[in-house]
């Protein structure tokens, strides 16, 4: 076995140890952060550098504001869905939502 293969084996074992020690829920939260951040940057770039006429500045700010509020809503949904707590919310007309993230992590 060459030095590269030995190095890759050590790296693989290290990744396996880290992967097994953290619950999947944590890895999902970590993975969601760059995706949502990229979405916010992308939306901001479209509004900022999209070639809009100068008289549409108010519309640019409105679109950017709603896009960022949407990103915050997505972040909240991800965090609530992956959190280890039970969340129940009731709305008008009998609508309700319940999130229970308290399932046990898989055994190693």
Protein backbone atom coordinates (compact mmCIF):
# COMPACT_ATOMS: atom_id res chain seq x y z
CA UNK A 1 0.00 0.00 0.00
CA UNK A 2 1.42 3.35 -1.04
CA UNK A 3 1.56 6.52 1.04
CA UNK A 4 -1.43 8.05 -0.76
CA UNK A 5 -3.61 5.03 -0.04
CA UNK A 6 -2.57 5.08 3.63
CA UNK A 7 -3.33 8.79 3.85
CA UNK A 8 -6.76 8.32 2.27
CA UNK A 9 -7.51 5.44 4.65
CA UNK A 10 -6.68 7.64 7.67
CA UNK A 11 -8.83 10.49 6.31
CA UNK A 12 -11.69 8.06 5.66
CA UNK A 13 -11.54 6.70 9.19
CA UNK A 14 -11.52 10.24 10.60
CA UNK A 15 -14.57 11.21 8.56
CA UNK A 16 -16.38 8.04 9.67
CA UNK A 17 -15.71 8.80 13.34
CA UNK A 18 -16.96 12.38 12.99
CA UNK A 19 -20.01 11.30 10.98
CA UNK A 20 -21.03 8.68 13.57
CA UNK A 21 -20.53 10.98 16.55
CA UNK A 22 -22.91 13.72 15.38
CA UNK A 23 -26.61 13.10 14.76
CA UNK A 24 -27.96 13.43 11.24
CA UNK A 25 -30.08 16.34 12.43
CA UNK A 26 -26.94 18.38 13.17
CA UNK A 27 -25.42 17.60 9.77
CA UNK A 28 -28.67 18.69 8.09
CA UNK A 29 -28.58 22.02 9.93
CA UNK A 30 -24.95 22.54 8.95
CA UNK A 31 -25.71 21.67 5.34
CA UNK A 32 -28.76 23.95 5.16
CA UNK A 33 -26.84 27.07 6.18
CA UNK A 34 -24.71 27.40 3.01
CA UNK A 35 -27.68 26.63 0.77
CA UNK A 36 -29.86 29.32 2.32
CA UNK A 37 -26.96 31.78 2.37
CA UNK A 38 -26.36 31.15 -1.34
CA UNK A 39 -30.07 31.75 -1.98
CA UNK A 40 -29.96 35.11 -0.18
CA UNK A 41 -26.83 36.19 -2.07
CA UNK A 42 -28.36 35.10 -5.37
CA UNK A 43 -31.61 37.00 -4.76
CA UNK A 44 -29.72 40.10 -3.62
CA UNK A 45 -27.47 39.96 -6.68
CA UNK A 46 -30.43 39.73 -9.07
CA UNK A 47 -32.10 42.77 -7.55
CA UNK A 48 -28.88 44.74 -7.09
CA UNK A 49 -27.21 44.07 -10.46
CA UNK A 50 -30.20 43.02 -12.56
CA UNK A 51 -30.10 45.98 -14.94
CA UNK A 52 -33.12 47.73 -13.46
CA UNK A 53 -33.90 51.31 -14.49
CA UNK A 54 -33.18 53.99 -11.86
CA UNK A 55 -36.86 54.84 -11.43
CA UNK A 56 -37.58 51.33 -10.11
CA UNK A 57 -35.47 51.61 -6.93
CA UNK A 58 -38.55 51.30 -4.71
CA UNK A 59 -39.59 48.13 -6.50
CA UNK A 60 -36.06 46.73 -6.11
CA UNK A 61 -36.19 47.29 -2.35
CA UNK A 62 -39.63 45.72 -2.11
CA UNK A 63 -38.55 42.61 -4.00
CA UNK A 64 -35.33 42.33 -2.03
CA UNK A 65 -37.19 42.72 1.24
CA UNK A 66 -39.72 40.01 0.42
CA UNK A 67 -36.98 37.67 -0.83
CA UNK A 68 -35.04 38.09 2.41
CA UNK A 69 -38.19 37.58 4.51
CA UNK A 70 -38.79 34.39 2.52
CA UNK A 71 -35.25 33.23 3.26
CA UNK A 72 -35.79 33.89 6.96
CA UNK A 73 -39.01 31.87 6.84
CA UNK A 74 -37.18 28.97 5.18
CA UNK A 75 -34.45 29.14 7.83
CA UNK A 76 -37.08 29.08 10.58
CA UNK A 77 -38.81 26.06 9.05
CA UNK A 78 -35.53 24.17 8.77
CA UNK A 79 -34.47 24.93 12.32
CA UNK A 80 -37.88 24.05 13.79
CA UNK A 81 -38.11 20.87 11.73
CA UNK A 82 -34.67 19.71 12.77
CA UNK A 83 -34.72 20.87 16.37
CA UNK A 84 -35.07 18.34 19.14
CA UNK A 85 -38.18 20.00 20.54
CA UNK A 86 -41.87 19.61 19.95
CA UNK A 87 -43.53 22.70 18.45
CA UNK A 88 -47.28 23.15 18.06
CA UNK A 89 -48.91 26.25 16.60
CA UNK A 90 -52.62 26.89 16.09
CA UNK A 91 -54.00 29.46 13.70
CA UNK A 92 -57.39 30.93 12.93
CA UNK A 93 -60.12 28.65 11.65
CA UNK A 94 -58.76 25.58 13.39
CA UNK A 95 -55.58 25.30 11.33
CA UNK A 96 -52.60 23.98 13.23
CA UNK A 97 -49.12 22.64 12.69
CA UNK A 98 -47.14 20.33 14.92
CA UNK A 99 -43.47 19.46 14.58
CA UNK A 100 -41.90 16.77 16.72
CA UNK A 101 -38.17 16.41 16.21
CA UNK A 102 -37.59 14.29 19.27
CA UNK A 103 -36.89 10.99 17.52
CA UNK A 104 -33.93 9.03 18.74
CA UNK A 105 -30.74 9.14 16.69
CA UNK A 106 -29.76 5.87 15.02
CA UNK A 107 -27.56 3.57 17.10
CA UNK A 108 -23.96 3.25 16.04
